[in-house]
Amino acid sequence: MAKSHTVSMKRILGLLQQRPASLAQFSGYVMTAGAATVVDVVTFSVLTHWGLWYVLALCISYFLGICTNFSLSRRFVFRVYWKSWQVQYLVFTIVALNSLLANLGLLQLFINDFKWDKTVARIVSAGCVAILSFVNHKLYSFGSGAAAEAAGDRKP
């Protein structure tokens, strides 16, 4: 466990040393993730307006946002293509589940405790996890993923 923690810390420190490139990628990611967030929030808003339970609405809208974000980020931001897009999408989805859990926790707090409007709560929760999402996708979904390389599933 300590070894994988050390490897992750080295990768994060490496990202910090590449600030200009990472900043440009982050800017691109903000644009593509912003488009995906629009898909997500509009879907969430429509579904909750129709009376769907906000947790189920979040799962549906988040899935559509993941599909949008993966497609746009892969093509326009990171430009990393594994041999199998399905495996890369699976890794992307697993990484995105961390953000989903963070979003769900924030929604619970904002809606149930702070009594915020559901759509406003969704927009704020999306903004709060944007950096976490970018770093995780850069490291794992589009990084030089050791698992993908070991499986021979990454194109140079």
Protein backbone atom coordinates (compact mmCIF):
# COMPACT_ATOMS: atom_id res chain seq x y z
CA MET A 1 0.00 0.00 0.00
CA ALA A 2 2.80 2.44 0.85
CA LYS A 3 4.47 1.79 -2.51
CA SER A 4 1.35 2.72 -4.51
CA HIS A 5 0.94 5.84 -2.35
CA THR A 6 4.56 6.82 -3.12
CA VAL A 7 4.01 6.26 -6.84
CA SER A 8 0.89 8.43 -6.77
CA MET A 9 2.72 11.21 -4.92
CA LYS A 10 5.54 11.10 -7.48
CA ARG A 11 3.00 11.37 -10.30
CA ILE A 12 1.27 14.32 -8.63
CA LEU A 13 4.61 16.07 -8.08
CA GLY A 14 5.46 15.45 -11.73
CA LEU A 15 2.20 17.11 -12.75
CA LEU A 16 3.02 20.16 -10.66
CA GLN A 17 6.37 20.50 -12.41
CA GLN A 18 4.59 20.58 -15.80
CA ARG A 19 2.46 23.58 -14.82
CA PRO A 20 2.22 25.38 -18.19
CA ALA A 21 1.18 22.23 -20.06
CA SER A 22 -1.12 21.21 -17.22
CA LEU A 23 -2.63 24.70 -17.12
CA ALA A 24 -3.36 24.57 -20.86
CA GLN A 25 -4.89 21.12 -20.47
CA PHE A 26 -6.88 22.27 -17.46
CA SER A 27 -8.25 25.18 -19.48
CA GLY A 28 -9.29 22.78 -22.24
CA TYR A 29 -10.73 20.42 -19.67
CA VAL A 30 -12.77 23.22 -18.15
CA MET A 31 -14.30 23.83 -21.58
CA THR A 32 -15.05 20.18 -22.38
CA ALA A 33 -16.14 19.35 -18.84
CA GLY A 34 -18.24 22.51 -18.92
CA ALA A 35 -20.08 21.22 -21.99
CA ALA A 36 -20.54 17.85 -20.27
CA THR A 37 -21.77 19.63 -17.15
CA VAL A 38 -24.36 21.48 -19.22
CA VAL A 39 -25.62 18.12 -20.52
CA ASP A 40 -25.59 16.77 -16.96
CA VAL A 41 -27.28 19.74 -15.26
CA VAL A 42 -29.96 20.22 -17.94
CA THR A 43 -30.79 16.50 -17.81
CA PHE A 44 -30.82 16.59 -13.99
CA SER A 45 -33.03 19.67 -13.96
CA VAL A 46 -35.53 18.21 -16.44
CA LEU A 47 -35.71 14.86 -14.63
CA THR A 48 -36.22 16.41 -11.19
CA HIS A 49 -38.79 18.81 -12.67
CA TRP A 50 -40.67 15.75 -13.94
CA GLY A 51 -40.70 14.44 -10.35
CA LEU A 52 -37.87 11.91 -10.50
CA TRP A 53 -36.03 11.40 -7.19
CA TYR A 54 -32.91 13.58 -7.30
CA VAL A 55 -30.54 10.67 -6.53
CA LEU A 56 -31.82 8.68 -9.52
CA ALA A 57 -31.83 11.83 -11.65
CA LEU A 58 -28.19 12.42 -10.69
CA CYS A 59 -27.20 8.88 -11.72
CA ILE A 60 -28.86 9.25 -15.13
CA SER A 61 -27.61 12.76 -15.79
CA TYR A 62 -24.12 11.92 -14.57
CA PHE A 63 -23.91 8.95 -16.94
CA LEU A 64 -24.79 11.20 -19.88
CA GLY A 65 -22.23 13.73 -18.67
CA ILE A 66 -19.56 11.02 -18.42
CA CYS A 67 -20.19 9.95 -22.01
CA THR A 68 -19.95 13.56 -23.19
CA ASN A 69 -16.86 14.33 -21.09
CA PHE A 70 -15.02 11.18 -22.17
CA SER A 71 -15.62 11.82 -25.86
CA LEU A 72 -14.64 15.49 -25.74
CA SER A 73 -11.68 15.10 -23.35
CA ARG A 74 -10.27 12.19 -25.30
CA ARG A 75 -10.50 14.02 -28.60
CA PHE A 76 -9.73 17.64 -27.73
CA VAL A 77 -7.86 17.83 -24.39
CA PHE A 78 -5.67 14.83 -23.68
CA ARG A 79 -5.53 13.20 -27.13
CA VAL A 80 -4.61 9.86 -25.60
CA TYR A 81 -6.10 6.85 -27.36
CA TRP A 82 -5.77 3.37 -25.92
CA LYS A 83 -6.06 0.48 -28.36
CA SER A 84 -9.39 -0.37 -26.78
CA TRP A 85 -11.59 2.67 -26.24
CA GLN A 86 -13.88 0.43 -24.19
CA VAL A 87 -11.13 -0.28 -21.64
CA GLN A 88 -10.19 3.40 -21.56
CA TYR A 89 -13.86 4.33 -21.07
CA LEU A 90 -14.11 1.80 -18.24
CA VAL A 91 -11.09 3.37 -16.48
CA PHE A 92 -12.56 6.84 -17.13
CA THR A 93 -15.89 5.72 -15.63
CA ILE A 94 -14.25 4.19 -12.55
CA VAL A 95 -12.32 7.42 -11.97
CA ALA A 96 -15.51 9.42 -12.52
CA LEU A 97 -17.28 7.41 -9.81
CA ASN A 98 -15.09 9.19 -7.24
CA SER A 99 -16.45 12.49 -8.49
CA LEU A 100 -19.99 11.09 -8.50
CA LEU A 101 -19.67 10.16 -4.84
CA ALA A 102 -18.28 13.61 -4.03
CA ASN A 103 -21.15 15.20 -5.98
CA LEU A 104 -23.72 13.04 -4.20
CA GLY A 105 -22.28 13.92 -0.79
CA LEU A 106 -22.36 17.62 -1.61
CA LEU A 107 -25.90 17.36 -2.99
CA GLN A 108 -27.04 15.69 0.22
CA LEU A 109 -25.47 18.52 2.21
CA PHE A 110 -26.75 21.36 0.01
CA ILE A 111 -30.28 20.04 -0.54
CA ASN A 112 -31.08 18.38 2.78
CA ASP A 113 -29.09 20.50 5.22
CA PHE A 114 -28.83 23.90 3.53
CA LYS A 115 -32.24 23.61 1.76
CA TRP A 116 -30.83 24.87 -1.56
CA ASP A 117 -32.64 24.60 -4.87
CA LYS A 118 -31.73 21.24 -6.50
CA THR A 119 -30.40 22.75 -9.73
CA VAL A 120 -28.31 25.37 -7.90
CA ALA A 121 -26.96 22.65 -5.60
CA ARG A 122 -26.02 20.55 -8.66
CA ILE A 123 -24.14 23.42 -10.31
CA VAL A 124 -22.20 24.23 -7.12
CA SER A 125 -21.36 20.57 -6.47
CA ALA A 126 -20.07 20.19 -10.05
CA GLY A 127 -17.80 23.21 -9.62
CA CYS A 128 -16.47 21.92 -6.32
CA VAL A 129 -15.24 18.63 -7.77
CA ALA A 130 -13.87 19.96 -11.09
CA ILE A 131 -10.20 20.04 -9.99
CA LEU A 132 -10.41 16.62 -8.34
CA SER A 133 -11.90 15.23 -11.53
CA PHE A 134 -9.24 16.81 -13.78
CA VAL A 135 -6.32 15.52 -11.73
CA ASN A 136 -7.72 12.00 -11.50
CA HIS A 137 -8.45 11.81 -15.23
CA LYS A 138 -5.04 13.22 -16.12
CA LEU A 139 -3.31 10.67 -13.90
CA TYR A 140 -5.39 7.59 -14.65
CA SER A 141 -7.76 7.89 -17.62
CA PHE A 142 -5.35 9.73 -19.91
CA GLY A 143 -2.00 9.39 -18.15
CA SER A 144 0.71 6.88 -18.83
CA GLY A 145 -1.39 4.38 -16.91
CA ALA A 146 0.72 1.47 -15.70
CA ALA A 147 -2.29 -0.86 -15.85
CA ALA A 148 -2.97 0.03 -19.49
CA GLU A 149 0.70 -0.28 -20.43
CA ALA A 150 1.05 -3.59 -18.63
CA ALA A 151 -1.96 -4.89 -20.54
CA GLY A 152 -0.48 -3.63 -23.80
CA ASP A 153 -3.63 -1.57 -24.21
CA ARG A 154 -2.16 1.89 -24.72
CA LYS A 155 -1.16 3.44 -28.01
CA PRO A 156 1.94 5.64 -27.94
